[in-house]
Amino acid sequence: MRSAFDLPPDQRAVIQNALNETFSAEIHVRFETAPDLISGIELTTNGQKVAWSIADYLVSMGKGVDELLKEKDKT
């Protein structure tokens, strides 16, 4: 688990418990700080990644606005 900032122990415990319950197993989680995520968080395992960051959100929002503008131009 990587995050842009150090997660406090209570948040780490919540994440740990959520993963254990989701996968019905005791999951070993290694928490790391990665400032390059820019207010983001990511979970990586076995070559798969689930991530969210402000940068990703802004890119997604920009694509959505572009699509809306293209649709408006068509009408």
PDB file of N, CA and C in Angstrom:
ATOM      1  N   MET A   1       0.845  -1.143   0.000  1.00  0.00           N
ATOM      2  CA  MET A   1       0.000   0.000   0.000  1.00  0.00           C
ATOM      3  C   MET A   1       0.902   1.220   0.000  1.00  0.00           C
ATOM      4  N   ARG A   2       0.779   2.035  -1.018  1.00  0.00           N
ATOM      5  CA  ARG A   2       1.557   3.270  -1.097  1.00  0.00           C
ATOM      6  C   ARG A   2       0.615   4.451  -0.978  1.00  0.00           C
ATOM      7  N   SER A   3       1.050   5.467  -0.267  1.00  0.00           N
ATOM      8  CA  SER A   3       0.254   6.692  -0.164  1.00  0.00           C
ATOM      9  C   SER A   3       1.186   7.886  -0.215  1.00  0.00           C
ATOM     10  N   ALA A   4       0.637   9.026  -0.560  1.00  0.00           N
ATOM     11  CA  ALA A   4       1.436  10.234  -0.695  1.00  0.00           C
ATOM     12  C   ALA A   4       1.912  10.761   0.650  1.00  0.00           C
ATOM     13  N   PHE A   5       1.337  10.260   1.716  1.00  0.00           N
ATOM     14  CA  PHE A   5       1.674  10.729   3.058  1.00  0.00           C
ATOM     15  C   PHE A   5       1.609   9.544   4.008  1.00  0.00           C
ATOM     16  N   ASP A   6       2.242   9.666   5.153  1.00  0.00           N
ATOM     17  CA  ASP A   6       2.201   8.593   6.145  1.00  0.00           C
ATOM     18  C   ASP A   6       0.783   8.420   6.675  1.00  0.00           C
ATOM     19  N   LEU A   7       0.289   7.202   6.625  1.00  0.00           N
ATOM     20  CA  LEU A   7      -1.036   6.918   7.179  1.00  0.00           C
ATOM     21  C   LEU A   7      -0.910   6.658   8.674  1.00  0.00           C
ATOM     22  N   PRO A   8      -1.796   7.275   9.462  1.00  0.00           N
ATOM     23  CA  PRO A   8      -1.762   7.015  10.906  1.00  0.00           C
ATOM     24  C   PRO A   8      -2.141   5.562  11.201  1.00  0.00           C
ATOM     25  N   PRO A   9      -1.731   5.048  12.358  1.00  0.00           N
ATOM     26  CA  PRO A   9      -1.996   3.651  12.712  1.00  0.00           C
ATOM     27  C   PRO A   9      -3.477   3.249  12.627  1.00  0.00           C
ATOM     28  N   ASP A  10      -4.392   4.141  13.007  1.00  0.00           N
ATOM     29  CA  ASP A  10      -5.810   3.773  12.949  1.00  0.00           C
ATOM     30  C   ASP A  10      -6.289   3.593  11.512  1.00  0.00           C
ATOM     31  N   GLN A  11      -5.794   4.407  10.577  1.00  0.00           N
ATOM     32  CA  GLN A  11      -6.166   4.239   9.169  1.00  0.00           C
ATOM     33  C   GLN A  11      -5.527   2.982   8.582  1.00  0.00           C
ATOM     34  N   ARG A  12      -4.308   2.695   8.988  1.00  0.00           N
ATOM     35  CA  ARG A  12      -3.665   1.463   8.533  1.00  0.00           C
ATOM     36  C   ARG A  12      -4.469   0.242   8.993  1.00  0.00           C
ATOM     37  N   ALA A  13      -4.942   0.291  10.231  1.00  0.00           N
ATOM     38  CA  ALA A  13      -5.725  -0.822  10.775  1.00  0.00           C
ATOM     39  C   ALA A  13      -7.032  -0.988  10.007  1.00  0.00           C
ATOM     40  N   VAL A  14      -7.680   0.110   9.653  1.00  0.00           N
ATOM     41  CA  VAL A  14      -8.936   0.043   8.890  1.00  0.00           C
ATOM     42  C   VAL A  14      -8.687  -0.603   7.530  1.00  0.00           C
ATOM     43  N   ILE A  15      -7.619  -0.186   6.855  1.00  0.00           N
ATOM     44  CA  ILE A  15      -7.280  -0.765   5.550  1.00  0.00           C
ATOM     45  C   ILE A  15      -6.956  -2.241   5.693  1.00  0.00           C
ATOM     46  N   GLN A  16      -6.144  -2.582   6.686  1.00  0.00           N
ATOM     47  CA  GLN A  16      -5.781  -3.975   6.931  1.00  0.00           C
ATOM     48  C   GLN A  16      -7.019  -4.830   7.160  1.00  0.00           C
ATOM     49  N   ASN A  17      -7.923  -4.382   8.020  1.00  0.00           N
ATOM     50  CA  ASN A  17      -9.144  -5.133   8.308  1.00  0.00           C
ATOM     51  C   ASN A  17     -10.030  -5.267   7.084  1.00  0.00           C
ATOM     52  N   ALA A  18     -10.144  -4.203   6.295  1.00  0.00           N
ATOM     53  CA  ALA A  18     -10.975  -4.258   5.087  1.00  0.00           C
ATOM     54  C   ALA A  18     -10.433  -5.285   4.096  1.00  0.00           C
ATOM     55  N   LEU A  19      -9.120  -5.332   3.925  1.00  0.00           N
ATOM     56  CA  LEU A  19      -8.526  -6.318   3.013  1.00  0.00           C
ATOM     57  C   LEU A  19      -8.709  -7.736   3.543  1.00  0.00           C
ATOM     58  N   ASN A  20      -8.491  -7.929   4.833  1.00  0.00           N
ATOM     59  CA  ASN A  20      -8.676  -9.262   5.424  1.00  0.00           C
ATOM     60  C   ASN A  20     -10.112  -9.746   5.247  1.00  0.00           C
ATOM     61  N   GLU A  21     -11.071  -8.867   5.494  1.00  0.00           N
ATOM     62  CA  GLU A  21     -12.479  -9.249   5.349  1.00  0.00           C
ATOM     63  C   GLU A  21     -12.853  -9.483   3.890  1.00  0.00           C
ATOM     64  N   THR A  22     -12.355  -8.628   3.007  1.00  0.00           N
ATOM     65  CA  THR A  22     -12.682  -8.752   1.582  1.00  0.00           C
ATOM     66  C   THR A  22     -12.192 -10.070   1.004  1.00  0.00           C
ATOM     67  N   PHE A  23     -10.993 -10.483   1.384  1.00  0.00           N
ATOM     68  CA  PHE A  23     -10.396 -11.686   0.820  1.00  0.00           C
ATOM     69  C   PHE A  23     -10.487 -12.893   1.743  1.00  0.00           C
ATOM     70  N   SER A  24     -11.174 -12.750   2.862  1.00  0.00           N
ATOM     71  CA  SER A  24     -11.354 -13.849   3.829  1.00  0.00           C
ATOM     72  C   SER A  24     -10.031 -14.550   4.141  1.00  0.00           C
ATOM     73  N   ALA A  25      -9.003 -13.739   4.354  1.00  0.00           N
ATOM     74  CA  ALA A  25      -7.674 -14.271   4.654  1.00  0.00           C
ATOM     75  C   ALA A  25      -6.873 -13.199   5.387  1.00  0.00           C
ATOM     76  N   GLU A  26      -5.803 -13.643   6.011  1.00  0.00           N
ATOM     77  CA  GLU A  26      -4.901 -12.705   6.667  1.00  0.00           C
ATOM     78  C   GLU A  26      -3.932 -12.181   5.611  1.00  0.00           C
ATOM     79  N   ILE A  27      -4.133 -10.942   5.192  1.00  0.00           N
ATOM     80  CA  ILE A  27      -3.329 -10.332   4.139  1.00  0.00           C
ATOM     81  C   ILE A  27      -2.187  -9.543   4.773  1.00  0.00           C
ATOM     82  N   HIS A  28      -0.969  -9.772   4.296  1.00  0.00           N
ATOM     83  CA  HIS A  28       0.175  -8.995   4.783  1.00  0.00           C
ATOM     84  C   HIS A  28       0.260  -7.716   3.951  1.00  0.00           C
ATOM     85  N   VAL A  29       0.173  -6.574   4.618  1.00  0.00           N
ATOM     86  CA  VAL A  29       0.221  -5.284   3.931  1.00  0.00           C
ATOM     87  C   VAL A  29       1.489  -4.544   4.346  1.00  0.00           C
ATOM     88  N   ARG A  30       2.238  -4.092   3.352  1.00  0.00           N
ATOM     89  CA  ARG A  30       3.411  -3.255   3.613  1.00  0.00           C
ATOM     90  C   ARG A  30       3.029  -1.822   3.211  1.00  0.00           C
ATOM     91  N   PHE A  31       3.079  -0.918   4.163  1.00  0.00           N
ATOM     92  CA  PHE A  31       2.727   0.478   3.921  1.00  0.00           C
ATOM     93  C   PHE A  31       3.981   1.269   3.585  1.00  0.00           C
ATOM     94  N   GLU A  32       3.896   2.054   2.512  1.00  0.00           N
ATOM     95  CA  GLU A  32       5.008   2.885   2.073  1.00  0.00           C
ATOM     96  C   GLU A  32       4.513   4.298   1.798  1.00  0.00           C
ATOM     97  N   THR A  33       5.414   5.256   1.923  1.00  0.00           N
ATOM     98  CA  THR A  33       5.106   6.637   1.579  1.00  0.00           C
ATOM     99  C   THR A  33       5.729   6.953   0.226  1.00  0.00           C
ATOM    100  N   ALA A  34       4.929   7.525  -0.676  1.00  0.00           N
ATOM    101  CA  ALA A  34       5.395   7.855  -2.021  1.00  0.00           C
ATOM    102  C   ALA A  34       4.882   9.254  -2.386  1.00  0.00           C
ATOM    103  N   PRO A  35       5.635  10.295  -2.069  1.00  0.00           N
ATOM    104  CA  PRO A  35       5.187  11.674  -2.314  1.00  0.00           C
ATOM    105  C   PRO A  35       4.808  11.957  -3.768  1.00  0.00           C
ATOM    106  N   ASP A  36       5.339  11.176  -4.717  1.00  0.00           N
ATOM    107  CA  ASP A  36       5.030  11.386  -6.126  1.00  0.00           C
ATOM    108  C   ASP A  36       3.574  11.071  -6.476  1.00  0.00           C
ATOM    109  N   LEU A  37       2.828  10.459  -5.574  1.00  0.00           N
ATOM    110  CA  LEU A  37       1.429  10.142  -5.844  1.00  0.00           C
ATOM    111  C   LEU A  37       0.522  11.375  -5.781  1.00  0.00           C
ATOM    112  N   ILE A  38       0.991  12.473  -5.272  1.00  0.00           N
ATOM    113  CA  ILE A  38       0.256  13.738  -5.182  1.00  0.00           C
ATOM    114  C   ILE A  38      -1.143  13.525  -4.620  1.00  0.00           C
ATOM    115  N   SER A  39      -1.216  13.419  -3.321  1.00  0.00           N
ATOM    116  CA  SER A  39      -2.484  13.219  -2.603  1.00  0.00           C
ATOM    117  C   SER A  39      -3.219  11.979  -3.086  1.00  0.00           C
ATOM    118  N   GLY A  40      -2.483  10.914  -3.291  1.00  0.00           N
ATOM    119  CA  GLY A  40      -3.089   9.694  -3.784  1.00  0.00           C
ATOM    120  C   GLY A  40      -2.762   8.492  -2.934  1.00  0.00           C
ATOM    121  N   ILE A  41      -3.335   7.371  -3.366  1.00  0.00           N
ATOM    122  CA  ILE A  41      -3.104   6.105  -2.674  1.00  0.00           C
ATOM    123  C   ILE A  41      -3.192   4.989  -3.710  1.00  0.00           C
ATOM    124  N   GLU A  42      -2.397   3.935  -3.540  1.00  0.00           N
ATOM    125  CA  GLU A  42      -2.472   2.804  -4.468  1.00  0.00           C
ATOM    126  C   GLU A  42      -2.176   1.503  -3.734  1.00  0.00           C
ATOM    127  N   LEU A  43      -2.851   0.479  -4.200  1.00  0.00           N
ATOM    128  CA  LEU A  43      -2.673  -0.877  -3.686  1.00  0.00           C
ATOM    129  C   LEU A  43      -2.175  -1.714  -4.846  1.00  0.00           C
ATOM    130  N   THR A  44      -1.020  -2.348  -4.674  1.00  0.00           N
ATOM    131  CA  THR A  44      -0.428  -3.156  -5.733  1.00  0.00           C
ATOM    132  C   THR A  44      -0.177  -4.560  -5.207  1.00  0.00           C
ATOM    133  N   THR A  45      -0.569  -5.564  -6.002  1.00  0.00           N
ATOM    134  CA  THR A  45      -0.304  -6.956  -5.648  1.00  0.00           C
ATOM    135  C   THR A  45      -0.307  -7.818  -6.899  1.00  0.00           C
ATOM    136  N   ASN A  46       0.623  -8.738  -6.968  1.00  0.00           N
ATOM    137  CA  ASN A  46       0.702  -9.700  -8.083  1.00  0.00           C
ATOM    138  C   ASN A  46       0.541  -9.043  -9.451  1.00  0.00           C
ATOM    139  N   GLY A  47       1.170  -7.910  -9.658  1.00  0.00           N
ATOM    140  CA  GLY A  47       1.118  -7.238 -10.955  1.00  0.00           C
ATOM    141  C   GLY A  47      -0.147  -6.445 -11.215  1.00  0.00           C
ATOM    142  N   GLN A  48      -1.059  -6.387 -10.275  1.00  0.00           N
ATOM    143  CA  GLN A  48      -2.300  -5.626 -10.418  1.00  0.00           C
ATOM    144  C   GLN A  48      -2.227  -4.390  -9.531  1.00  0.00           C
ATOM    145  N   LYS A  49      -2.870  -3.304  -9.976  1.00  0.00           N
ATOM    146  CA  LYS A  49      -2.835  -2.081  -9.195  1.00  0.00           C
ATOM    147  C   LYS A  49      -4.200  -1.409  -9.200  1.00  0.00           C
ATOM    148  N   VAL A  50      -4.612  -0.948  -8.019  1.00  0.00           N
ATOM    149  CA  VAL A  50      -5.797  -0.122  -7.859  1.00  0.00           C
ATOM    150  C   VAL A  50      -5.291   1.185  -7.269  1.00  0.00           C
ATOM    151  N   ALA A  51      -5.574   2.305  -7.937  1.00  0.00           N
ATOM    152  CA  ALA A  51      -4.994   3.568  -7.490  1.00  0.00           C
ATOM    153  C   ALA A  51      -5.968   4.719  -7.672  1.00  0.00           C
ATOM    154  N   TRP A  52      -5.757   5.755  -6.881  1.00  0.00           N
ATOM    155  CA  TRP A  52      -6.479   7.006  -7.017  1.00  0.00           C
ATOM    156  C   TRP A  52      -5.544   8.124  -6.607  1.00  0.00           C
ATOM    157  N   SER A  53      -5.542   9.197  -7.386  1.00  0.00           N
ATOM    158  CA  SER A  53      -4.779  10.393  -7.027  1.00  0.00           C
ATOM    159  C   SER A  53      -5.473  11.603  -7.636  1.00  0.00           C
ATOM    160  N   ILE A  54      -5.152  12.751  -7.134  1.00  0.00           N
ATOM    161  CA  ILE A  54      -5.729  13.976  -7.692  1.00  0.00           C
ATOM    162  C   ILE A  54      -5.336  14.111  -9.157  1.00  0.00           C
ATOM    163  N   ALA A  55      -4.096  13.780  -9.487  1.00  0.00           N
ATOM    164  CA  ALA A  55      -3.642  13.877 -10.873  1.00  0.00           C
ATOM    165  C   ALA A  55      -4.491  12.983 -11.781  1.00  0.00           C
ATOM    166  N   ASP A  56      -4.723  11.722 -11.378  1.00  0.00           N
ATOM    167  CA  ASP A  56      -5.564  10.814 -12.169  1.00  0.00           C
ATOM    168  C   ASP A  56      -6.989  11.347 -12.280  1.00  0.00           C
ATOM    169  N   TYR A  57      -7.505  11.879 -11.183  1.00  0.00           N
ATOM    170  CA  TYR A  57      -8.859  12.421 -11.171  1.00  0.00           C
ATOM    171  C   TYR A  57      -8.982  13.585 -12.149  1.00  0.00           C
ATOM    172  N   LEU A  58      -8.001  14.487 -12.159  1.00  0.00           N
ATOM    173  CA  LEU A  58      -8.047  15.638 -13.063  1.00  0.00           C
ATOM    174  C   LEU A  58      -7.956  15.210 -14.522  1.00  0.00           C
ATOM    175  N   VAL A  59      -7.134  14.215 -14.824  1.00  0.00           N
ATOM    176  CA  VAL A  59      -7.044  13.697 -16.192  1.00  0.00           C
ATOM    177  C   VAL A  59      -8.391  13.120 -16.612  1.00  0.00           C
ATOM    178  N   SER A  60      -9.009  12.334 -15.734  1.00  0.00           N
ATOM    179  CA  SER A  60     -10.312  11.735 -16.025  1.00  0.00           C
ATOM    180  C   SER A  60     -11.372  12.811 -16.224  1.00  0.00           C
ATOM    181  N   MET A  61     -11.366  13.827 -15.367  1.00  0.00           N
ATOM    182  CA  MET A  61     -12.332  14.904 -15.482  1.00  0.00           C
ATOM    183  C   MET A  61     -12.129  15.664 -16.795  1.00  0.00           C
ATOM    184  N   GLY A  62     -10.884  15.895 -17.175  1.00  0.00           N
ATOM    185  CA  GLY A  62     -10.594  16.576 -18.434  1.00  0.00           C
ATOM    186  C   GLY A  62     -11.119  15.802 -19.635  1.00  0.00           C
ATOM    187  N   LYS A  63     -10.967  14.484 -19.608  1.00  0.00           N
ATOM    188  CA  LYS A  63     -11.492  13.651 -20.696  1.00  0.00           C
ATOM    189  C   LYS A  63     -13.012  13.743 -20.754  1.00  0.00           C
ATOM    190  N   GLY A  64     -13.658  13.748 -19.585  1.00  0.00           N
ATOM    191  CA  GLY A  64     -15.113  13.867 -19.538  1.00  0.00           C
ATOM    192  C   GLY A  64     -15.592  15.191 -20.109  1.00  0.00           C
ATOM    193  N   VAL A  65     -14.896  16.264 -19.791  1.00  0.00           N
ATOM    194  CA  VAL A  65     -15.258  17.586 -20.319  1.00  0.00           C
ATOM    195  C   VAL A  65     -15.053  17.608 -21.829  1.00  0.00           C
ATOM    196  N   ASP A  66     -13.953  17.040 -22.305  1.00  0.00           N
ATOM    197  CA  ASP A  66     -13.713  16.969 -23.753  1.00  0.00           C
ATOM    198  C   ASP A  66     -14.839  16.238 -24.462  1.00  0.00           C
ATOM    199  N   GLU A  67     -15.291  15.117 -23.889  1.00  0.00           N
ATOM    200  CA  GLU A  67     -16.375  14.344 -24.497  1.00  0.00           C
ATOM    201  C   GLU A  67     -17.669  15.163 -24.534  1.00  0.00           C
ATOM    202  N   LEU A  68     -17.954  15.869 -23.463  1.00  0.00           N
ATOM    203  CA  LEU A  68     -19.158  16.712 -23.431  1.00  0.00           C
ATOM    204  C   LEU A  68     -19.081  17.814 -24.485  1.00  0.00           C
ATOM    205  N   LEU A  69     -17.938  18.418 -24.650  1.00  0.00           N
ATOM    206  CA  LEU A  69     -17.777  19.465 -25.652  1.00  0.00           C
ATOM    207  C   LEU A  69     -17.909  18.918 -27.066  1.00  0.00           C
ATOM    208  N   LYS A  70     -17.390  17.715 -27.307  1.00  0.00           N
ATOM    209  CA  LYS A  70     -17.528  17.086 -28.616  1.00  0.00           C
ATOM    210  C   LYS A  70     -18.989  16.797 -28.914  1.00  0.00           C
ATOM    211  N   GLU A  71     -19.723  16.314 -27.915  1.00  0.00           N
ATOM    212  CA  GLU A  71     -21.159  16.032 -28.094  1.00  0.00           C
ATOM    213  C   GLU A  71     -21.919  17.317 -28.373  1.00  0.00           C
ATOM    214  N   LYS A  72     -21.555  18.392 -27.694  1.00  0.00           N
ATOM    215  CA  LYS A  72     -22.222  19.684 -27.901  1.00  0.00           C
ATOM    216  C   LYS A  72     -21.965  20.187 -29.313  1.00  0.00           C
ATOM    217  N   ASP A  73     -20.721  19.988 -29.812  1.00  0.00           N
ATOM    218  CA  ASP A  73     -20.382  20.423 -31.171  1.00  0.00           C
ATOM    219  C   ASP A  73     -21.166  19.653 -32.226  1.00  0.00           C
ATOM    220  N   LYS A  74     -21.525  18.421 -31.941  1.00  0.00           N
ATOM    221  CA  LYS A  74     -22.274  17.587 -32.891  1.00  0.00           C
ATOM    222  C   LYS A  74     -23.699  18.077 -33.051  1.00  0.00           C
ATOM    223  N   THR A  75     -24.246  18.716 -32.017  1.00  0.00           N
ATOM    224  CA  THR A  75     -25.664  19.145 -32.082  1.00  0.00           C
ATOM    225  C   THR A  75     -25.838  20.520 -32.585  1.00  0.00           C
TER     226      THR A  75
END
